[in-house]
Protein backbone atom coordinates (compact mmCIF):
# COMPACT_ATOMS: atom_id res chain seq x y z
CA MET A 1 0.00 0.00 0.00
CA GLN A 2 1.11 3.54 -0.65
CA LYS A 3 1.93 5.73 2.32
CA ASP A 4 0.80 9.35 2.63
CA LYS A 5 -1.68 9.01 -0.20
CA HIS A 6 -4.57 10.73 1.58
CA PRO A 7 -4.55 14.42 2.53
CA ASP A 8 -4.47 15.53 6.17
CA TYR A 9 -8.05 15.32 7.46
CA HIS A 10 -8.45 17.13 10.76
CA PRO A 11 -10.96 19.12 12.87
CA VAL A 12 -11.51 22.66 11.56
CA VAL A 13 -13.81 25.48 12.64
CA PHE A 14 -15.67 27.25 9.84
CA ARG A 15 -16.83 30.73 10.84
CA ASP A 16 -19.45 32.85 9.07
CA ARG A 17 -18.63 36.41 10.07
CA ALA A 18 -21.81 37.86 8.55
CA ALA A 19 -24.07 35.75 10.77
CA GLY A 20 -21.75 35.36 13.73
CA TYR A 21 -22.03 31.59 13.38
CA ALA A 22 -19.28 28.99 13.66
CA PHE A 23 -19.29 25.21 13.50
CA LEU A 24 -16.70 22.52 14.10
CA THR A 25 -16.28 19.81 11.49
CA ARG A 26 -13.55 17.74 9.87
CA SER A 27 -11.91 18.98 6.70
CA THR A 28 -8.73 19.06 4.67
CA ALA A 29 -8.77 22.88 4.70
CA SER A 30 -6.03 24.56 6.68
CA SER A 31 -5.49 28.01 8.08
CA ALA A 32 -2.85 29.92 10.01
CA GLN A 33 -5.55 31.46 12.22
CA THR A 34 -6.72 29.50 15.25
CA ILE A 35 -9.63 29.75 17.65
CA GLU A 36 -10.32 28.27 21.05
CA TRP A 37 -13.51 26.22 20.80
CA ASP A 38 -16.12 25.51 23.48
CA ASP A 39 -14.39 22.29 24.50
CA GLY A 40 -11.18 24.18 25.40
CA GLU A 41 -9.21 22.87 22.42
CA THR A 42 -7.59 25.13 19.82
CA TYR A 43 -8.52 24.51 16.18
CA PRO A 44 -7.67 26.19 12.88
CA VAL A 45 -10.43 28.57 11.76
CA VAL A 46 -11.52 29.23 8.18
CA ASP A 47 -13.64 32.33 7.56
CA VAL A 48 -16.40 31.90 4.99
CA GLU A 49 -18.56 34.57 3.37
CA ILE A 50 -21.81 32.60 3.25
CA SER A 51 -23.07 29.63 5.23
CA SER A 52 -26.49 28.13 5.84
CA GLU A 53 -27.02 30.70 8.61
CA SER A 54 -26.62 33.70 6.29
CA HIS A 55 -27.70 32.40 2.87
CA PRO A 56 -31.12 33.82 1.88
CA PHE A 57 -32.39 30.48 0.59
CA TYR A 58 -31.85 28.69 3.91
CA THR A 59 -32.91 31.58 6.14
CA GLY A 60 -36.23 32.12 4.33
CA LYS A 61 -35.38 35.70 3.43
CA ALA A 62 -34.99 35.03 -0.26
CA ARG A 63 -36.42 37.54 -2.70
CA THR A 64 -39.32 36.31 -4.73
CA VAL A 65 -38.88 36.72 -8.44
CA ASP A 66 -41.63 38.53 -10.33
CA THR A 67 -43.30 35.67 -12.16
CA GLU A 68 -46.54 37.47 -13.01
CA GLY A 69 -44.97 39.42 -15.86
CA ARG A 70 -43.10 36.40 -17.21
CA VAL A 71 -46.23 34.52 -18.24
CA ALA A 72 -47.73 37.58 -19.94
CA ARG A 73 -44.45 38.26 -21.71
CA PHE A 74 -44.27 34.64 -22.91
CA GLN A 75 -47.84 34.75 -24.26
CA ARG A 76 -47.16 38.07 -25.99
CA ARG A 77 -43.94 36.81 -27.51
CA TYR A 78 -45.05 33.35 -28.59
CA GLY A 79 -48.77 33.97 -28.87
CA GLY A 80 -51.21 32.12 -26.68
CA GLU A 81 -54.28 33.31 -28.63
CA SER A 82 -53.48 34.19 -32.21
CA SER A 83 -55.76 34.61 -35.19
CA GLU A 84 -53.19 33.09 -37.55
CA GLY A 85 -54.42 29.58 -36.83
CA GLY A 86 -51.26 28.29 -35.18
CA GLY A 87 -52.18 28.42 -31.59
CA GLY A 88 -55.50 27.86 -30.42
CA SER A 89 -58.62 26.34 -29.19
CA SER A 90 -59.91 22.79 -29.27
CA GLU A 91 -62.44 23.76 -31.97
CA SER A 92 -59.71 24.31 -34.56
CA ARG A 93 -58.38 20.80 -33.85
CA GLY A 94 -61.71 19.14 -34.36
CA GLY A 95 -62.75 18.87 -30.75
CA SER A 96 -66.37 19.10 -29.80
CA SER A 97 -67.71 21.20 -26.99
CA GLY A 98 -70.89 19.36 -26.30
């Protein structure tokens, strides 16, 4: 077997400065900065810009995209009801209404 094939996998603290949130996990990431964790041990700390605590999707603060105008724009562009005979009702395809 080959020696030293796998990277160094060790405990690391990831800290989200925007949310003031930090969590301890295992990773191959390394850092020169260290932090003393709740258990009294000192671990390397990696600062991240976005985590699940600050990302809008996970926090429920995501902006809703305006979808009302998209449907109208699609129908205008590609024609939902056109008089050219391309789009249309069930009557033009031979369907019966009753």
